[in-house]
N, C-alpha and C. Protein backbone atom coordinates (compact mmCIF):
# COMPACT_ATOMS: atom_id res chain seq x y z
N UNK A 1 -7.82 9.06 10.15
CA UNK A 1 -6.54 8.56 9.70
C UNK A 1 -6.76 7.41 8.74
N UNK A 2 -7.38 6.35 9.18
CA UNK A 2 -7.61 5.19 8.31
C UNK A 2 -8.98 5.33 7.68
N UNK A 3 -9.16 4.60 6.60
CA UNK A 3 -10.47 4.59 5.96
C UNK A 3 -11.44 3.87 6.87
N UNK A 4 -12.70 4.26 6.81
CA UNK A 4 -13.74 3.59 7.59
C UNK A 4 -13.81 2.14 7.16
N UNK A 5 -13.57 1.22 8.10
CA UNK A 5 -13.56 -0.20 7.79
C UNK A 5 -14.88 -0.72 7.26
N UNK A 6 -15.97 -0.03 7.56
CA UNK A 6 -17.28 -0.49 7.09
C UNK A 6 -17.69 0.17 5.78
N UNK A 7 -16.92 1.15 5.33
CA UNK A 7 -17.27 1.83 4.08
C UNK A 7 -16.97 0.92 2.89
N UNK A 8 -17.81 1.02 1.87
CA UNK A 8 -17.58 0.24 0.65
C UNK A 8 -16.31 0.76 -0.02
N UNK A 9 -15.52 -0.14 -0.52
CA UNK A 9 -14.29 0.26 -1.18
C UNK A 9 -14.26 -0.37 -2.56
N UNK A 10 -13.92 0.44 -3.55
CA UNK A 10 -13.78 -0.04 -4.92
C UNK A 10 -12.30 -0.03 -5.27
N UNK A 11 -11.81 -1.15 -5.75
CA UNK A 11 -10.44 -1.19 -6.25
C UNK A 11 -10.42 -0.43 -7.57
N UNK A 12 -9.77 0.72 -7.63
CA UNK A 12 -9.79 1.52 -8.85
C UNK A 12 -8.75 1.06 -9.88
N UNK A 13 -8.84 1.64 -11.04
CA UNK A 13 -7.86 1.40 -12.10
C UNK A 13 -6.47 1.68 -11.54
N UNK A 14 -5.55 0.77 -11.80
CA UNK A 14 -4.18 0.95 -11.34
C UNK A 14 -3.89 0.31 -10.00
N UNK A 15 -4.91 -0.19 -9.33
CA UNK A 15 -4.69 -0.79 -8.01
C UNK A 15 -3.78 -2.01 -8.09
N UNK A 16 -3.86 -2.78 -9.17
CA UNK A 16 -3.04 -3.99 -9.31
C UNK A 16 -1.67 -3.70 -9.93
N UNK A 17 -1.52 -2.51 -10.49
CA UNK A 17 -0.29 -2.18 -11.20
C UNK A 17 -0.38 -2.49 -12.69
N UNK A 18 -1.40 -3.21 -13.11
CA UNK A 18 -1.59 -3.52 -14.53
C UNK A 18 -2.53 -2.51 -15.15
N UNK A 19 -2.39 -2.33 -16.45
CA UNK A 19 -3.31 -1.45 -17.16
C UNK A 19 -3.38 -1.86 -18.61
N UNK A 20 -4.48 -1.47 -19.24
CA UNK A 20 -4.63 -1.70 -20.68
C UNK A 20 -4.08 -0.48 -21.40
N UNK A 21 -3.33 -0.71 -22.47
CA UNK A 21 -2.71 0.42 -23.17
C UNK A 21 -3.75 1.43 -23.65
N UNK A 22 -4.93 0.95 -24.01
CA UNK A 22 -5.96 1.89 -24.48
C UNK A 22 -6.46 2.81 -23.36
N UNK A 23 -6.29 2.38 -22.09
CA UNK A 23 -6.70 3.21 -20.96
C UNK A 23 -5.60 4.17 -20.52
N UNK A 24 -4.39 3.95 -21.00
CA UNK A 24 -3.27 4.76 -20.56
C UNK A 24 -2.75 4.25 -19.23
N UNK A 25 -1.57 4.70 -18.85
CA UNK A 25 -0.97 4.21 -17.60
C UNK A 25 -1.76 4.70 -16.38
N UNK A 26 -1.66 3.95 -15.29
CA UNK A 26 -2.34 4.38 -14.06
C UNK A 26 -1.65 5.62 -13.49
N UNK A 27 -2.31 6.31 -12.58
CA UNK A 27 -1.68 7.49 -11.96
C UNK A 27 -0.42 7.06 -11.19
N UNK A 28 0.40 8.01 -10.84
CA UNK A 28 1.61 7.74 -10.06
C UNK A 28 1.56 8.50 -8.74
N UNK A 29 1.91 7.83 -7.67
CA UNK A 29 2.07 8.50 -6.39
C UNK A 29 3.43 9.19 -6.42
N UNK A 30 3.45 10.46 -6.10
CA UNK A 30 4.67 11.24 -6.16
C UNK A 30 5.65 10.79 -5.07
N UNK A 31 6.81 10.34 -5.49
CA UNK A 31 7.80 9.82 -4.55
C UNK A 31 8.31 10.92 -3.62
N UNK A 32 8.43 12.15 -4.12
CA UNK A 32 8.88 13.25 -3.25
C UNK A 32 7.87 13.52 -2.14
N UNK A 33 6.59 13.44 -2.47
CA UNK A 33 5.56 13.64 -1.46
C UNK A 33 5.61 12.53 -0.42
N UNK A 34 5.81 11.29 -0.88
CA UNK A 34 5.95 10.18 0.05
C UNK A 34 7.14 10.39 0.97
N UNK A 35 8.28 10.78 0.42
CA UNK A 35 9.48 11.01 1.24
C UNK A 35 9.24 12.12 2.27
N UNK A 36 8.59 13.19 1.85
CA UNK A 36 8.31 14.29 2.78
C UNK A 36 7.41 13.81 3.92
N UNK A 37 6.38 13.04 3.58
CA UNK A 37 5.48 12.51 4.62
C UNK A 37 6.23 11.51 5.51
N UNK A 38 7.10 10.70 4.92
CA UNK A 38 7.88 9.74 5.68
C UNK A 38 8.75 10.44 6.73
N UNK A 39 9.45 11.48 6.32
CA UNK A 39 10.32 12.20 7.26
C UNK A 39 9.50 12.94 8.32
N UNK A 40 8.35 13.48 7.95
CA UNK A 40 7.48 14.13 8.94
C UNK A 40 6.96 13.11 9.95
N UNK A 41 6.55 11.94 9.46
CA UNK A 41 6.06 10.89 10.36
C UNK A 41 7.18 10.40 11.28
N UNK A 42 8.37 10.30 10.74
CA UNK A 42 9.51 9.86 11.55
C UNK A 42 9.81 10.86 12.66
N UNK A 43 9.71 12.14 12.35
CA UNK A 43 9.89 13.15 13.40
C UNK A 43 8.81 13.01 14.46
N UNK A 44 7.57 12.77 14.04
CA UNK A 44 6.47 12.60 15.00
C UNK A 44 6.69 11.37 15.88
N UNK A 45 7.34 10.35 15.31
CA UNK A 45 7.62 9.11 16.06
C UNK A 45 8.87 9.24 16.92
N UNK A 46 9.57 10.36 16.76
CA UNK A 46 10.86 10.54 17.44
C UNK A 46 11.81 9.39 17.09
N UNK A 47 11.78 9.04 15.80
CA UNK A 47 12.59 7.93 15.33
C UNK A 47 13.54 8.38 14.24
N UNK A 48 13.97 7.42 13.45
CA UNK A 48 14.84 7.73 12.33
C UNK A 48 14.44 6.87 11.13
N UNK A 49 14.69 7.41 9.95
CA UNK A 49 14.41 6.69 8.71
C UNK A 49 15.55 5.71 8.47
N UNK A 50 15.19 4.48 8.13
CA UNK A 50 16.18 3.49 7.74
C UNK A 50 16.38 3.56 6.24
N UNK A 51 16.05 2.50 5.56
CA UNK A 51 16.19 2.45 4.10
C UNK A 51 14.91 2.94 3.42
N UNK A 52 15.09 3.58 2.27
CA UNK A 52 13.98 3.96 1.41
C UNK A 52 14.27 3.35 0.05
N UNK A 53 13.30 2.62 -0.49
CA UNK A 53 13.49 1.97 -1.77
C UNK A 53 12.33 2.29 -2.70
N UNK A 54 12.67 2.93 -3.81
CA UNK A 54 11.67 3.23 -4.83
C UNK A 54 11.23 1.93 -5.49
N UNK A 55 10.01 1.86 -5.85
CA UNK A 55 9.48 0.65 -6.48
C UNK A 55 10.21 0.36 -7.77
N UNK A 56 10.41 -0.90 -8.02
CA UNK A 56 10.93 -1.35 -9.30
C UNK A 56 10.00 -2.43 -9.80
N UNK A 57 9.87 -2.51 -11.10
CA UNK A 57 9.00 -3.52 -11.70
C UNK A 57 9.47 -4.90 -11.25
N UNK A 58 8.60 -5.78 -10.87
CA UNK A 58 7.14 -5.75 -10.98
C UNK A 58 6.42 -5.33 -9.70
N UNK A 59 7.17 -4.86 -8.70
CA UNK A 59 6.53 -4.47 -7.43
C UNK A 59 5.63 -3.26 -7.63
N UNK A 60 4.53 -3.21 -6.90
CA UNK A 60 3.54 -2.14 -7.05
C UNK A 60 3.64 -1.08 -5.96
N UNK A 61 4.74 -1.06 -5.20
CA UNK A 61 4.82 -0.14 -4.07
C UNK A 61 6.26 0.25 -3.76
N UNK A 62 6.38 1.42 -3.14
CA UNK A 62 7.65 1.90 -2.59
C UNK A 62 7.73 1.38 -1.15
N UNK A 63 8.93 1.24 -0.62
CA UNK A 63 9.08 0.82 0.77
C UNK A 63 10.06 1.73 1.50
N UNK A 64 9.90 1.75 2.80
CA UNK A 64 10.83 2.47 3.66
C UNK A 64 10.77 1.80 5.03
N UNK A 65 11.78 2.04 5.83
CA UNK A 65 11.74 1.56 7.21
C UNK A 65 11.90 2.76 8.13
N UNK A 66 11.21 2.66 9.26
CA UNK A 66 11.32 3.66 10.32
C UNK A 66 11.66 2.92 11.60
N UNK A 67 12.70 3.38 12.26
CA UNK A 67 13.08 2.82 13.55
C UNK A 67 12.60 3.82 14.59
N UNK A 68 11.68 3.37 15.44
CA UNK A 68 11.09 4.23 16.46
C UNK A 68 11.07 3.46 17.78
N UNK A 69 11.70 4.02 18.78
CA UNK A 69 11.77 3.33 20.06
C UNK A 69 12.55 2.04 19.89
N UNK A 70 11.96 0.94 20.32
CA UNK A 70 12.62 -0.36 20.18
C UNK A 70 12.11 -1.14 18.97
N UNK A 71 11.23 -0.52 18.19
CA UNK A 71 10.63 -1.24 17.06
C UNK A 71 11.06 -0.68 15.72
N UNK A 72 10.88 -1.50 14.71
CA UNK A 72 11.13 -1.10 13.34
C UNK A 72 9.87 -1.39 12.53
N UNK A 73 9.47 -0.45 11.70
CA UNK A 73 8.28 -0.58 10.88
C UNK A 73 8.68 -0.53 9.41
N UNK A 74 8.07 -1.38 8.62
CA UNK A 74 8.18 -1.26 7.17
C UNK A 74 6.96 -0.45 6.72
N UNK A 75 7.20 0.61 5.98
CA UNK A 75 6.12 1.44 5.45
C UNK A 75 6.01 1.14 3.97
N UNK A 76 4.79 0.86 3.54
CA UNK A 76 4.50 0.54 2.14
C UNK A 76 3.69 1.69 1.57
N UNK A 77 4.10 2.19 0.43
CA UNK A 77 3.38 3.27 -0.24
C UNK A 77 3.04 2.80 -1.64
N UNK A 78 1.76 2.65 -1.92
CA UNK A 78 1.33 2.18 -3.24
C UNK A 78 1.85 3.12 -4.31
N UNK A 79 2.34 2.58 -5.39
CA UNK A 79 2.97 3.39 -6.45
C UNK A 79 1.96 4.16 -7.30
N UNK A 80 0.69 3.74 -7.27
CA UNK A 80 -0.28 4.37 -8.16
C UNK A 80 -1.40 5.12 -7.46
N UNK A 81 -1.57 4.88 -6.19
CA UNK A 81 -2.60 5.56 -5.40
C UNK A 81 -1.99 5.91 -4.05
N UNK A 82 -2.43 6.99 -3.42
CA UNK A 82 -1.79 7.45 -2.18
C UNK A 82 -2.20 6.64 -0.94
N UNK A 83 -1.89 5.37 -0.97
CA UNK A 83 -2.24 4.47 0.13
C UNK A 83 -0.98 4.07 0.89
N UNK A 84 -1.08 4.06 2.21
CA UNK A 84 0.03 3.69 3.09
C UNK A 84 -0.40 2.51 3.93
N UNK A 85 0.51 1.54 4.07
CA UNK A 85 0.28 0.38 4.95
C UNK A 85 1.56 0.14 5.75
N UNK A 86 1.42 -0.62 6.82
CA UNK A 86 2.54 -0.93 7.69
C UNK A 86 2.70 -2.43 7.80
N UNK A 87 3.96 -2.87 7.88
CA UNK A 87 4.27 -4.28 8.04
C UNK A 87 5.49 -4.39 8.96
N UNK A 88 5.75 -5.60 9.42
CA UNK A 88 6.88 -5.81 10.32
C UNK A 88 8.21 -5.86 9.57
N UNK A 89 8.18 -6.37 8.34
CA UNK A 89 9.42 -6.48 7.57
C UNK A 89 9.18 -6.15 6.11
N UNK A 90 10.26 -5.78 5.43
CA UNK A 90 10.17 -5.48 4.00
C UNK A 90 10.18 -6.78 3.22
N UNK A 91 9.28 -6.86 2.25
CA UNK A 91 9.16 -8.02 1.38
C UNK A 91 8.81 -7.52 -0.02
N UNK A 92 8.76 -8.45 -0.98
CA UNK A 92 8.33 -8.08 -2.33
C UNK A 92 6.82 -8.17 -2.51
N UNK A 93 6.13 -8.88 -1.65
CA UNK A 93 4.67 -8.95 -1.73
C UNK A 93 4.13 -9.29 -0.34
N UNK A 94 2.87 -8.99 -0.17
CA UNK A 94 2.20 -9.21 1.11
C UNK A 94 0.84 -9.84 0.85
N UNK A 95 0.39 -10.63 1.78
CA UNK A 95 -0.98 -11.16 1.72
C UNK A 95 -1.73 -10.78 2.99
N UNK A 96 -1.18 -11.17 4.15
CA UNK A 96 -1.82 -10.83 5.42
C UNK A 96 -0.81 -10.34 6.46
N UNK A 97 0.40 -10.01 6.05
CA UNK A 97 1.47 -9.66 6.98
C UNK A 97 1.47 -8.18 7.36
N UNK A 98 0.32 -7.59 7.51
CA UNK A 98 0.22 -6.16 7.79
C UNK A 98 0.09 -5.91 9.29
N UNK A 99 0.51 -4.71 9.70
CA UNK A 99 0.39 -4.29 11.09
C UNK A 99 -0.66 -3.19 11.21
N UNK A 100 -1.17 -3.02 12.41
CA UNK A 100 -2.02 -1.86 12.70
C UNK A 100 -1.14 -0.61 12.60
N UNK A 101 -1.66 0.48 12.08
CA UNK A 101 -0.86 1.70 11.98
C UNK A 101 -0.48 2.22 13.38
N UNK A 102 0.76 2.66 13.57
CA UNK A 102 1.15 3.26 14.84
C UNK A 102 0.50 4.63 14.98
N UNK A 103 0.47 5.20 16.19
CA UNK A 103 -0.17 6.51 16.39
C UNK A 103 0.39 7.60 15.48
N UNK A 104 1.67 7.58 15.18
CA UNK A 104 2.27 8.62 14.35
C UNK A 104 1.92 8.48 12.87
N UNK A 105 1.18 7.44 12.49
CA UNK A 105 0.75 7.28 11.10
C UNK A 105 -0.19 8.41 10.66
N UNK A 106 -0.79 9.08 11.64
CA UNK A 106 -1.69 10.20 11.32
C UNK A 106 -0.99 11.25 10.47
N UNK A 107 0.30 11.37 10.62
CA UNK A 107 1.07 12.34 9.84
C UNK A 107 0.91 12.09 8.35
N UNK A 108 0.88 10.83 7.94
CA UNK A 108 0.68 10.52 6.52
C UNK A 108 -0.69 11.02 6.06
N UNK A 109 -1.71 10.78 6.88
CA UNK A 109 -3.06 11.24 6.53
C UNK A 109 -3.12 12.76 6.45
N UNK A 110 -2.44 13.42 7.38
CA UNK A 110 -2.42 14.88 7.38
C UNK A 110 -1.79 15.44 6.11
N UNK A 111 -0.95 14.64 5.45
CA UNK A 111 -0.27 15.09 4.24
C UNK A 111 -0.87 14.48 2.96
N UNK A 112 -2.12 13.99 3.07
CA UNK A 112 -2.86 13.59 1.88
C UNK A 112 -2.88 12.11 1.55
N UNK A 113 -2.27 11.27 2.36
CA UNK A 113 -2.29 9.83 2.12
C UNK A 113 -3.45 9.19 2.86
N UNK A 114 -3.87 8.03 2.41
CA UNK A 114 -4.88 7.24 3.11
C UNK A 114 -4.14 6.11 3.81
N UNK A 115 -4.26 6.08 5.12
CA UNK A 115 -3.60 5.05 5.92
C UNK A 115 -4.56 3.88 6.05
N UNK A 116 -4.12 2.73 5.59
CA UNK A 116 -4.94 1.52 5.61
C UNK A 116 -4.59 0.69 6.84
N UNK A 117 -5.60 0.12 7.47
CA UNK A 117 -5.31 -0.68 8.66
C UNK A 117 -5.32 -2.17 8.33
N UNK A 118 -4.89 -2.97 9.28
CA UNK A 118 -4.74 -4.41 9.06
C UNK A 118 -6.07 -5.07 8.70
N UNK A 119 -7.15 -4.67 9.36
CA UNK A 119 -8.47 -5.27 9.08
C UNK A 119 -8.88 -5.05 7.64
N UNK A 120 -8.64 -3.87 7.12
CA UNK A 120 -8.97 -3.59 5.72
C UNK A 120 -8.11 -4.41 4.78
N UNK A 121 -6.83 -4.43 5.02
CA UNK A 121 -5.88 -5.07 4.12
C UNK A 121 -6.02 -6.58 4.09
N UNK A 122 -6.52 -7.17 5.16
CA UNK A 122 -6.71 -8.62 5.19
C UNK A 122 -8.13 -9.02 4.83
N UNK A 123 -8.92 -8.04 4.46
CA UNK A 123 -10.30 -8.30 4.05
C UNK A 123 -10.33 -9.12 2.76
N UNK A 124 -11.23 -10.05 2.68
CA UNK A 124 -11.38 -10.89 1.49
C UNK A 124 -11.80 -10.04 0.29
N UNK A 125 -11.30 -10.43 -0.88
CA UNK A 125 -11.69 -9.73 -2.10
C UNK A 125 -13.19 -9.82 -2.36
N UNK A 126 -13.84 -10.82 -1.80
CA UNK A 126 -15.29 -10.94 -1.98
C UNK A 126 -16.04 -9.82 -1.25
N UNK A 127 -15.36 -9.14 -0.32
CA UNK A 127 -15.97 -8.05 0.44
C UNK A 127 -15.62 -6.67 -0.10
N UNK A 128 -14.96 -6.61 -1.27
CA UNK A 128 -14.50 -5.37 -1.88
C UNK A 128 -15.08 -5.29 -3.29
N UNK A 129 -15.41 -4.10 -3.74
CA UNK A 129 -15.91 -3.92 -5.10
C UNK A 129 -14.74 -4.04 -6.08
N UNK A 130 -14.73 -5.13 -6.82
CA UNK A 130 -13.65 -5.39 -7.78
C UNK A 130 -14.11 -5.21 -9.22
N UNK A 131 -15.23 -4.54 -9.41
CA UNK A 131 -15.81 -4.42 -10.75
C UNK A 131 -14.92 -3.66 -11.74
N UNK A 132 -13.99 -2.83 -11.27
CA UNK A 132 -13.12 -2.09 -12.17
C UNK A 132 -11.92 -2.91 -12.65
N UNK A 133 -11.69 -4.08 -12.05
CA UNK A 133 -10.56 -4.92 -12.48
C UNK A 133 -10.87 -5.55 -13.84
N UNK A 134 -9.85 -5.62 -14.67
CA UNK A 134 -10.01 -6.21 -16.00
C UNK A 134 -9.85 -7.72 -15.93
N UNK A 135 -10.17 -8.39 -17.02
CA UNK A 135 -9.97 -9.84 -17.09
C UNK A 135 -8.51 -10.21 -16.90
N UNK A 136 -7.62 -9.40 -17.47
CA UNK A 136 -6.18 -9.65 -17.31
C UNK A 136 -5.75 -9.54 -15.85
N UNK A 137 -6.29 -8.56 -15.15
CA UNK A 137 -5.96 -8.42 -13.73
C UNK A 137 -6.47 -9.62 -12.94
N UNK A 138 -7.69 -10.04 -13.24
CA UNK A 138 -8.26 -11.20 -12.55
C UNK A 138 -7.45 -12.47 -12.85
N UNK A 139 -6.92 -12.57 -14.05
CA UNK A 139 -6.09 -13.72 -14.40
C UNK A 139 -4.88 -13.79 -13.46
N UNK A 140 -4.24 -12.66 -13.22
CA UNK A 140 -3.09 -12.63 -12.31
C UNK A 140 -3.52 -12.92 -10.86
N UNK A 141 -4.61 -12.34 -10.44
CA UNK A 141 -5.10 -12.57 -9.07
C UNK A 141 -5.32 -14.07 -8.86
N UNK A 142 -5.98 -14.73 -9.81
CA UNK A 142 -6.23 -16.17 -9.68
C UNK A 142 -4.95 -16.99 -9.78
N UNK A 143 -4.07 -16.62 -10.73
CA UNK A 143 -2.82 -17.35 -10.93
C UNK A 143 -1.97 -17.35 -9.66
N UNK A 144 -1.92 -16.22 -8.98
CA UNK A 144 -1.10 -16.10 -7.78
C UNK A 144 -1.87 -16.46 -6.50
N UNK A 145 -3.14 -16.80 -6.63
CA UNK A 145 -3.93 -17.21 -5.47
C UNK A 145 -4.16 -16.10 -4.47
N UNK A 146 -4.23 -14.87 -4.94
CA UNK A 146 -4.45 -13.73 -4.05
C UNK A 146 -5.92 -13.70 -3.62
N UNK A 147 -6.16 -13.59 -2.32
CA UNK A 147 -7.53 -13.59 -1.80
C UNK A 147 -7.84 -12.36 -0.96
N UNK A 148 -6.84 -11.51 -0.71
CA UNK A 148 -7.07 -10.35 0.15
C UNK A 148 -6.85 -9.04 -0.61
N UNK A 149 -7.49 -8.02 -0.10
CA UNK A 149 -7.37 -6.68 -0.64
C UNK A 149 -5.91 -6.24 -0.61
N UNK A 150 -5.23 -6.43 0.51
CA UNK A 150 -3.83 -6.04 0.63
C UNK A 150 -2.94 -6.82 -0.33
N UNK A 151 -3.29 -8.08 -0.59
CA UNK A 151 -2.52 -8.88 -1.53
C UNK A 151 -2.58 -8.33 -2.95
N UNK A 152 -3.69 -7.75 -3.31
CA UNK A 152 -3.83 -7.13 -4.62
C UNK A 152 -3.05 -5.81 -4.68
N UNK A 153 -3.09 -5.03 -3.60
CA UNK A 153 -2.46 -3.73 -3.61
C UNK A 153 -0.94 -3.78 -3.49
N UNK A 154 -0.42 -4.67 -2.68
CA UNK A 154 1.02 -4.69 -2.38
C UNK A 154 1.61 -6.01 -2.84
N UNK A 155 2.00 -6.05 -4.11
CA UNK A 155 2.42 -7.30 -4.72
C UNK A 155 3.57 -7.10 -5.68
N UNK A 156 4.10 -8.23 -6.16
CA UNK A 156 5.07 -8.28 -7.24
C UNK A 156 4.65 -9.47 -8.10
N UNK A 157 3.92 -9.19 -9.14
CA UNK A 157 3.26 -10.24 -9.93
C UNK A 157 4.19 -11.08 -10.76
N UNK A 158 5.39 -10.67 -10.99
CA UNK A 158 6.26 -11.36 -11.93
C UNK A 158 6.84 -12.63 -11.35
């Protein structure tokens, strides 16, 4: 379900939401596929979907809420890569506010998404391969004081 926490991870092109025009735009995560996985996961959780919000600039991710049992989860779907994360509440950016994936998160993985866990998302950028990031991306990372992998992936730079 989740990526191996000990495996090396490279932040690929498009991870920050920025791109150089000569490289072309980053890939897009299909919103219909995310919605289908969201509803399948909600059925597995025996819950219901709350709000679904498509990403708007400058945010780098789509959000949704799932109400399951007595809890509510914010689901984050990266707009450029098929990565899923969980948080307690919806926000415009995250640094360390991630939750461990619930058991029903496996449904996202079964439908082609990579479910990221809290340990990965709160990992220091010094522990991740950032060689693909451009100088412009690093400028934003430093300007906003981002120090975690999740902070780079789930942000609103503006």
